[in-house]
């Protein structure tokens, strides 16, 4: 995944998806958060932070289809055991 430093910020990296009207995902290293933008929702905030290693897998699973040109409004769901 190729995230670049976001302009006028510290420790925030951003990725724009040109195939999707520059839809953006931001990763804030200082706050340890992932902002999936307004079209991708999640059932709780734990998938939007660095608290679990699998959250990086979720980020990859969101990034890959966007990178390939596939997009629809998505919901990230976390199974509870």
PDB file of N, CA and C in Angstrom:
ATOM      1  N   UNK A   1       0.855  -1.170   0.000  1.00  0.00           N
ATOM      2  CA  UNK A   1       0.000   0.000   0.000  1.00  0.00           C
ATOM      3  C   UNK A   1       0.895   1.225   0.000  1.00  0.00           C
ATOM      4  N   UNK A   2       0.566   2.153  -0.829  1.00  0.00           N
ATOM      5  CA  UNK A   2       1.404   3.334  -0.984  1.00  0.00           C
ATOM      6  C   UNK A   2       0.700   4.567  -0.432  1.00  0.00           C
ATOM      7  N   UNK A   3       0.903   4.826   0.846  1.00  0.00           N
ATOM      8  CA  UNK A   3       0.367   6.025   1.474  1.00  0.00           C
ATOM      9  C   UNK A   3       1.456   7.082   1.470  1.00  0.00           C
ATOM     10  N   UNK A   4       1.064   8.329   1.285  1.00  0.00           N
ATOM     11  CA  UNK A   4       2.001   9.447   1.240  1.00  0.00           C
ATOM     12  C   UNK A   4       1.691  10.415   2.374  1.00  0.00           C
ATOM     13  N   UNK A   5       2.708  11.155   2.829  1.00  0.00           N
ATOM     14  CA  UNK A   5       2.432  12.156   3.867  1.00  0.00           C
ATOM     15  C   UNK A   5       1.355  13.129   3.403  1.00  0.00           C
ATOM     16  N   UNK A   6       0.394  13.396   4.271  1.00  0.00           N
ATOM     17  CA  UNK A   6      -0.683  14.322   3.950  1.00  0.00           C
ATOM     18  C   UNK A   6      -0.198  15.751   4.156  1.00  0.00           C
ATOM     19  N   UNK A   7      -0.526  16.614   3.224  1.00  0.00           N
ATOM     20  CA  UNK A   7      -0.080  18.008   3.287  1.00  0.00           C
ATOM     21  C   UNK A   7      -0.547  18.687   4.563  1.00  0.00           C
ATOM     22  N   UNK A   8       0.327  19.518   5.106  1.00  0.00           N
ATOM     23  CA  UNK A   8       0.035  20.357   6.272  1.00  0.00           C
ATOM     24  C   UNK A   8      -0.341  19.553   7.511  1.00  0.00           C
ATOM     25  N   UNK A   9       0.167  18.336   7.637  1.00  0.00           N
ATOM     26  CA  UNK A   9      -0.093  17.527   8.829  1.00  0.00           C
ATOM     27  C   UNK A   9       1.213  16.885   9.292  1.00  0.00           C
ATOM     28  N   UNK A  10       1.186  16.378  10.501  1.00  0.00           N
ATOM     29  CA  UNK A  10       2.315  15.640  11.047  1.00  0.00           C
ATOM     30  C   UNK A  10       1.836  14.233  11.356  1.00  0.00           C
ATOM     31  N   UNK A  11       2.561  13.243  10.888  1.00  0.00           N
ATOM     32  CA  UNK A  11       2.267  11.829  11.155  1.00  0.00           C
ATOM     33  C   UNK A  11       0.931  11.350  10.591  1.00  0.00           C
ATOM     34  N   UNK A  12       0.428  12.009   9.554  1.00  0.00           N
ATOM     35  CA  UNK A  12      -0.780  11.550   8.876  1.00  0.00           C
ATOM     36  C   UNK A  12      -0.404  11.196   7.441  1.00  0.00           C
ATOM     37  N   UNK A  13      -0.780   9.986   7.050  1.00  0.00           N
ATOM     38  CA  UNK A  13      -0.505   9.511   5.693  1.00  0.00           C
ATOM     39  C   UNK A  13      -1.821   9.271   4.986  1.00  0.00           C
ATOM     40  N   UNK A  14      -1.824   9.538   3.708  1.00  0.00           N
ATOM     41  CA  UNK A  14      -3.062   9.519   2.945  1.00  0.00           C
ATOM     42  C   UNK A  14      -2.864   8.751   1.647  1.00  0.00           C
ATOM     43  N   UNK A  15      -3.943   8.150   1.182  1.00  0.00           N
ATOM     44  CA  UNK A  15      -3.920   7.506  -0.125  1.00  0.00           C
ATOM     45  C   UNK A  15      -5.167   7.924  -0.875  1.00  0.00           C
ATOM     46  N   UNK A  16      -4.956   8.463  -2.083  1.00  0.00           N
ATOM     47  CA  UNK A  16      -6.071   8.872  -2.937  1.00  0.00           C
ATOM     48  C   UNK A  16      -6.238   7.847  -4.043  1.00  0.00           C
ATOM     49  N   UNK A  17      -7.495   7.523  -4.307  1.00  0.00           N
ATOM     50  CA  UNK A  17      -7.824   6.550  -5.340  1.00  0.00           C
ATOM     51  C   UNK A  17      -8.381   7.308  -6.541  1.00  0.00           C
ATOM     52  N   UNK A  18      -7.526   7.549  -7.509  1.00  0.00           N
ATOM     53  CA  UNK A  18      -7.896   8.370  -8.664  1.00  0.00           C
ATOM     54  C   UNK A  18      -9.030   7.765  -9.474  1.00  0.00           C
ATOM     55  N   UNK A  19      -9.153   6.452  -9.453  1.00  0.00           N
ATOM     56  CA  UNK A  19     -10.242   5.798 -10.190  1.00  0.00           C
ATOM     57  C   UNK A  19     -11.605   6.059  -9.545  1.00  0.00           C
ATOM     58  N   UNK A  20     -11.572   6.614  -8.350  1.00  0.00           N
ATOM     59  CA  UNK A  20     -12.816   6.836  -7.593  1.00  0.00           C
ATOM     60  C   UNK A  20     -12.929   8.287  -7.154  1.00  0.00           C
ATOM     61  N   UNK A  21     -12.741   9.200  -8.100  1.00  0.00           N
ATOM     62  CA  UNK A  21     -12.868  10.636  -7.826  1.00  0.00           C
ATOM     63  C   UNK A  21     -12.013  11.077  -6.648  1.00  0.00           C
ATOM     64  N   UNK A  22     -10.815  10.521  -6.548  1.00  0.00           N
ATOM     65  CA  UNK A  22      -9.852  10.849  -5.493  1.00  0.00           C
ATOM     66  C   UNK A  22     -10.373  10.537  -4.096  1.00  0.00           C
ATOM     67  N   UNK A  23     -11.170   9.471  -3.974  1.00  0.00           N
ATOM     68  CA  UNK A  23     -11.591   8.999  -2.646  1.00  0.00           C
ATOM     69  C   UNK A  23     -10.334   8.790  -1.809  1.00  0.00           C
ATOM     70  N   UNK A  24     -10.375   9.135  -0.538  1.00  0.00           N
ATOM     71  CA  UNK A  24      -9.172   9.146   0.294  1.00  0.00           C
ATOM     72  C   UNK A  24      -9.344   8.313   1.558  1.00  0.00           C
ATOM     73  N   UNK A  25      -8.282   7.601   1.903  1.00  0.00           N
ATOM     74  CA  UNK A  25      -8.164   6.931   3.194  1.00  0.00           C
ATOM     75  C   UNK A  25      -6.956   7.543   3.887  1.00  0.00           C
ATOM     76  N   UNK A  26      -7.109   7.909   5.177  1.00  0.00           N
ATOM     77  CA  UNK A  26      -6.033   8.510   5.955  1.00  0.00           C
ATOM     78  C   UNK A  26      -5.643   7.598   7.109  1.00  0.00           C
ATOM     79  N   UNK A  27      -4.347   7.555   7.387  1.00  0.00           N
ATOM     80  CA  UNK A  27      -3.821   6.825   8.537  1.00  0.00           C
ATOM     81  C   UNK A  27      -3.070   7.834   9.394  1.00  0.00           C
ATOM     82  N   UNK A  28      -3.517   7.995  10.641  1.00  0.00           N
ATOM     83  CA  UNK A  28      -2.910   8.947  11.565  1.00  0.00           C
ATOM     84  C   UNK A  28      -2.044   8.173  12.553  1.00  0.00           C
ATOM     85  N   UNK A  29      -0.728   8.274  12.419  1.00  0.00           N
ATOM     86  CA  UNK A  29       0.179   7.520  13.272  1.00  0.00           C
ATOM     87  C   UNK A  29       0.203   8.040  14.699  1.00  0.00           C
ATOM     88  N   UNK A  30       0.021   9.353  14.874  1.00  0.00           N
ATOM     89  CA  UNK A  30       0.033   9.928  16.221  1.00  0.00           C
ATOM     90  C   UNK A  30      -1.178   9.461  17.033  1.00  0.00           C
ATOM     91  N   UNK A  31      -2.344   9.471  16.407  1.00  0.00           N
ATOM     92  CA  UNK A  31      -3.577   9.064  17.093  1.00  0.00           C
ATOM     93  C   UNK A  31      -3.851   7.564  16.966  1.00  0.00           C
ATOM     94  N   UNK A  32      -3.053   6.878  16.143  1.00  0.00           N
ATOM     95  CA  UNK A  32      -3.235   5.440  15.882  1.00  0.00           C
ATOM     96  C   UNK A  32      -4.622   5.132  15.346  1.00  0.00           C
ATOM     97  N   UNK A  33      -5.055   5.924  14.357  1.00  0.00           N
ATOM     98  CA  UNK A  33      -6.386   5.735  13.778  1.00  0.00           C
ATOM     99  C   UNK A  33      -6.323   5.594  12.261  1.00  0.00           C
ATOM    100  N   UNK A  34      -7.367   4.961  11.731  1.00  0.00           N
ATOM    101  CA  UNK A  34      -7.545   4.808  10.292  1.00  0.00           C
ATOM    102  C   UNK A  34      -8.887   5.444   9.939  1.00  0.00           C
ATOM    103  N   UNK A  35      -8.857   6.405   9.017  1.00  0.00           N
ATOM    104  CA  UNK A  35     -10.083   7.059   8.570  1.00  0.00           C
ATOM    105  C   UNK A  35     -10.391   6.550   7.167  1.00  0.00           C
ATOM    106  N   UNK A  36     -11.442   5.742   7.063  1.00  0.00           N
ATOM    107  CA  UNK A  36     -11.822   5.137   5.788  1.00  0.00           C
ATOM    108  C   UNK A  36     -12.681   6.052   4.924  1.00  0.00           C
ATOM    109  N   UNK A  37     -12.894   7.283   5.338  1.00  0.00           N
ATOM    110  CA  UNK A  37     -13.712   8.195   4.548  1.00  0.00           C
ATOM    111  C   UNK A  37     -15.194   8.025   4.848  1.00  0.00           C
ATOM    112  N   UNK A  38     -16.017   8.727   4.095  1.00  0.00           N
ATOM    113  CA  UNK A  38     -17.452   8.769   4.404  1.00  0.00           C
ATOM    114  C   UNK A  38     -18.278   7.684   3.723  1.00  0.00           C
ATOM    115  N   UNK A  39     -17.706   6.919   2.813  1.00  0.00           N
ATOM    116  CA  UNK A  39     -18.486   5.886   2.134  1.00  0.00           C
ATOM    117  C   UNK A  39     -18.266   4.487   2.702  1.00  0.00           C
ATOM    118  N   UNK A  40     -17.295   4.359   3.573  1.00  0.00           N
ATOM    119  CA  UNK A  40     -17.002   3.060   4.175  1.00  0.00           C
ATOM    120  C   UNK A  40     -17.281   3.179   5.666  1.00  0.00           C
ATOM    121  N   UNK A  41     -18.184   2.352   6.163  1.00  0.00           N
ATOM    122  CA  UNK A  41     -18.563   2.406   7.570  1.00  0.00           C
ATOM    123  C   UNK A  41     -18.137   1.125   8.272  1.00  0.00           C
ATOM    124  N   UNK A  42     -18.115   1.179   9.592  1.00  0.00           N
ATOM    125  CA  UNK A  42     -17.789  -0.017  10.364  1.00  0.00           C
ATOM    126  C   UNK A  42     -18.765  -0.130  11.524  1.00  0.00           C
ATOM    127  N   UNK A  43     -18.903  -1.366  12.021  1.00  0.00           N
ATOM    128  CA  UNK A  43     -19.865  -1.587  13.095  1.00  0.00           C
ATOM    129  C   UNK A  43     -19.357  -1.096  14.443  1.00  0.00           C
ATOM    130  N   UNK A  44     -18.059  -0.877  14.573  1.00  0.00           N
ATOM    131  CA  UNK A  44     -17.519  -0.269  15.786  1.00  0.00           C
ATOM    132  C   UNK A  44     -16.170   0.363  15.478  1.00  0.00           C
ATOM    133  N   UNK A  45     -15.659   1.110  16.420  1.00  0.00           N
ATOM    134  CA  UNK A  45     -14.434   1.876  16.184  1.00  0.00           C
ATOM    135  C   UNK A  45     -13.165   1.035  16.263  1.00  0.00           C
ATOM    136  N   UNK A  46     -13.254  -0.198  16.733  1.00  0.00           N
ATOM    137  CA  UNK A  46     -12.035  -0.980  16.895  1.00  0.00           C
ATOM    138  C   UNK A  46     -11.378  -1.335  15.570  1.00  0.00           C
ATOM    139  N   UNK A  47     -12.122  -1.333  14.478  1.00  0.00           N
ATOM    140  CA  UNK A  47     -11.502  -1.588  13.174  1.00  0.00           C
ATOM    141  C   UNK A  47     -10.881  -0.327  12.594  1.00  0.00           C
ATOM    142  N   UNK A  48     -11.045   0.778  13.278  1.00  0.00           N
ATOM    143  CA  UNK A  48     -10.518   2.051  12.795  1.00  0.00           C
ATOM    144  C   UNK A  48      -9.316   2.518  13.613  1.00  0.00           C
ATOM    145  N   UNK A  49      -8.644   1.598  14.290  1.00  0.00           N
ATOM    146  CA  UNK A  49      -7.459   1.974  15.056  1.00  0.00           C
ATOM    147  C   UNK A  49      -6.400   0.874  14.950  1.00  0.00           C
ATOM    148  N   UNK A  50      -5.311   1.040  15.670  1.00  0.00           N
ATOM    149  CA  UNK A  50      -4.203   0.082  15.600  1.00  0.00           C
ATOM    150  C   UNK A  50      -4.222  -0.906  16.759  1.00  0.00           C
ATOM    151  N   UNK A  51      -5.333  -1.052  17.451  1.00  0.00           N
ATOM    152  CA  UNK A  51      -5.372  -1.876  18.664  1.00  0.00           C
ATOM    153  C   UNK A  51      -5.178  -3.368  18.397  1.00  0.00           C
ATOM    154  N   UNK A  52      -5.533  -3.831  17.221  1.00  0.00           N
ATOM    155  CA  UNK A  52      -5.410  -5.247  16.872  1.00  0.00           C
ATOM    156  C   UNK A  52      -4.638  -5.386  15.566  1.00  0.00           C
ATOM    157  N   UNK A  53      -3.717  -6.345  15.478  1.00  0.00           N
ATOM    158  CA  UNK A  53      -2.968  -6.534  14.225  1.00  0.00           C
ATOM    159  C   UNK A  53      -3.872  -6.795  13.018  1.00  0.00           C
ATOM    160  N   UNK A  54      -5.016  -7.434  13.241  1.00  0.00           N
ATOM    161  CA  UNK A  54      -5.903  -7.738  12.113  1.00  0.00           C
ATOM    162  C   UNK A  54      -6.516  -6.485  11.482  1.00  0.00           C
ATOM    163  N   UNK A  55      -6.439  -5.344  12.156  1.00  0.00           N
ATOM    164  CA  UNK A  55      -6.961  -4.111  11.568  1.00  0.00           C
ATOM    165  C   UNK A  55      -6.154  -3.697  10.344  1.00  0.00           C
ATOM    166  N   UNK A  56      -4.890  -4.089  10.302  1.00  0.00           N
ATOM    167  CA  UNK A  56      -4.078  -3.811   9.116  1.00  0.00           C
ATOM    168  C   UNK A  56      -4.486  -4.732   7.970  1.00  0.00           C
ATOM    169  N   UNK A  57      -4.965  -5.916   8.312  1.00  0.00           N
ATOM    170  CA  UNK A  57      -5.504  -6.827   7.292  1.00  0.00           C
ATOM    171  C   UNK A  57      -6.794  -6.229   6.731  1.00  0.00           C
ATOM    172  N   UNK A  58      -7.615  -5.664   7.595  1.00  0.00           N
ATOM    173  CA  UNK A  58      -8.849  -5.005   7.150  1.00  0.00           C
ATOM    174  C   UNK A  58      -8.499  -3.859   6.212  1.00  0.00           C
ATOM    175  N   UNK A  59      -7.487  -3.071   6.579  1.00  0.00           N
ATOM    176  CA  UNK A  59      -7.063  -1.967   5.722  1.00  0.00           C
ATOM    177  C   UNK A  59      -6.645  -2.486   4.348  1.00  0.00           C
ATOM    178  N   UNK A  60      -5.897  -3.560   4.319  1.00  0.00           N
ATOM    179  CA  UNK A  60      -5.481  -4.167   3.047  1.00  0.00           C
ATOM    180  C   UNK A  60      -6.692  -4.654   2.261  1.00  0.00           C
ATOM    181  N   UNK A  61      -7.666  -5.235   2.950  1.00  0.00           N
ATOM    182  CA  UNK A  61      -8.869  -5.757   2.278  1.00  0.00           C
ATOM    183  C   UNK A  61      -9.755  -4.635   1.732  1.00  0.00           C
ATOM    184  N   UNK A  62      -9.654  -3.460   2.263  1.00  0.00           N
ATOM    185  CA  UNK A  62     -10.369  -2.305   1.732  1.00  0.00           C
ATOM    186  C   UNK A  62      -9.567  -1.681   0.597  1.00  0.00           C
ATOM    187  N   UNK A  63      -8.255  -1.587   0.797  1.00  0.00           N
ATOM    188  CA  UNK A  63      -7.377  -0.950  -0.184  1.00  0.00           C
ATOM    189  C   UNK A  63      -7.330  -1.698  -1.510  1.00  0.00           C
ATOM    190  N   UNK A  64      -7.202  -2.992  -1.457  1.00  0.00           N
ATOM    191  CA  UNK A  64      -6.974  -3.769  -2.685  1.00  0.00           C
ATOM    192  C   UNK A  64      -8.090  -3.608  -3.723  1.00  0.00           C
ATOM    193  N   UNK A  65      -9.371  -3.769  -3.365  1.00  0.00           N
ATOM    194  CA  UNK A  65     -10.418  -3.570  -4.388  1.00  0.00           C
ATOM    195  C   UNK A  65     -10.466  -2.132  -4.916  1.00  0.00           C
ATOM    196  N   UNK A  66     -10.221  -1.156  -4.032  1.00  0.00           N
ATOM    197  CA  UNK A  66     -10.199   0.232  -4.487  1.00  0.00           C
ATOM    198  C   UNK A  66      -9.078   0.438  -5.499  1.00  0.00           C
ATOM    199  N   UNK A  67      -7.931  -0.130  -5.218  1.00  0.00           N
ATOM    200  CA  UNK A  67      -6.781  -0.007  -6.101  1.00  0.00           C
ATOM    201  C   UNK A  67      -7.060  -0.634  -7.466  1.00  0.00           C
ATOM    202  N   UNK A  68      -7.804  -1.706  -7.476  1.00  0.00           N
ATOM    203  CA  UNK A  68      -8.121  -2.414  -8.720  1.00  0.00           C
ATOM    204  C   UNK A  68      -9.282  -1.789  -9.485  1.00  0.00           C
ATOM    205  N   UNK A  69      -9.922  -0.791  -8.889  1.00  0.00           N
ATOM    206  CA  UNK A  69     -10.995  -0.106  -9.593  1.00  0.00           C
ATOM    207  C   UNK A  69     -12.389  -0.523  -9.184  1.00  0.00           C
ATOM    208  N   UNK A  70     -12.505  -1.409  -8.215  1.00  0.00           N
ATOM    209  CA  UNK A  70     -13.817  -1.848  -7.738  1.00  0.00           C
ATOM    210  C   UNK A  70     -14.217  -0.985  -6.551  1.00  0.00           C
ATOM    211  N   UNK A  71     -15.462  -0.572  -6.549  1.00  0.00           N
ATOM    212  CA  UNK A  71     -15.911   0.227  -5.410  1.00  0.00           C
ATOM    213  C   UNK A  71     -17.419   0.196  -5.289  1.00  0.00           C
ATOM    214  N   UNK A  72     -17.847   0.091  -4.084  1.00  0.00           N
ATOM    215  CA  UNK A  72     -19.243   0.277  -3.722  1.00  0.00           C
ATOM    216  C   UNK A  72     -19.230   0.706  -2.267  1.00  0.00           C
ATOM    217  N   UNK A  73     -20.311   1.245  -1.811  1.00  0.00           N
ATOM    218  CA  UNK A  73     -20.362   1.573  -0.392  1.00  0.00           C
ATOM    219  C   UNK A  73     -20.160   0.277   0.372  1.00  0.00           C
ATOM    220  N   UNK A  74     -19.311   0.319   1.353  1.00  0.00           N
ATOM    221  CA  UNK A  74     -18.967  -0.898   2.088  1.00  0.00           C
ATOM    222  C   UNK A  74     -19.155  -0.696   3.578  1.00  0.00           C
ATOM    223  N   UNK A  75     -19.397  -1.800   4.227  1.00  0.00           N
ATOM    224  CA  UNK A  75     -19.486  -1.831   5.675  1.00  0.00           C
ATOM    225  C   UNK A  75     -18.466  -2.826   6.185  1.00  0.00           C
ATOM    226  N   UNK A  76     -17.647  -2.410   7.128  1.00  0.00           N
ATOM    227  CA  UNK A  76     -16.666  -3.292   7.736  1.00  0.00           C
ATOM    228  C   UNK A  76     -17.307  -3.881   8.982  1.00  0.00           C
ATOM    229  N   UNK A  77     -17.392  -5.186   9.017  1.00  0.00           N
ATOM    230  CA  UNK A  77     -17.993  -5.853  10.167  1.00  0.00           C
ATOM    231  C   UNK A  77     -16.950  -6.678  10.885  1.00  0.00           C
ATOM    232  N   UNK A  78     -17.069  -6.704  12.188  1.00  0.00           N
ATOM    233  CA  UNK A  78     -16.128  -7.464  13.005  1.00  0.00           C
ATOM    234  C   UNK A  78     -16.901  -8.563  13.713  1.00  0.00           C
ATOM    235  N   UNK A  79     -16.459  -9.800  13.510  1.00  0.00           N
ATOM    236  CA  UNK A  79     -17.100 -10.911  14.200  1.00  0.00           C
ATOM    237  C   UNK A  79     -16.693 -10.896  15.660  1.00  0.00           C
ATOM    238  N   UNK A  80     -17.634 -11.169  16.486  1.00  0.00           N
ATOM    239  CA  UNK A  80     -17.358 -11.251  17.927  1.00  0.00           C
ATOM    240  C   UNK A  80     -17.422 -12.708  18.330  1.00  0.00           C
ATOM    241  N   UNK A  81     -16.405 -13.144  19.030  1.00  0.00           N
ATOM    242  CA  UNK A  81     -16.305 -14.556  19.382  1.00  0.00           C
ATOM    243  C   UNK A  81     -16.859 -14.819  20.688  1.00  0.00           C
TER     244      UNK A  81
END
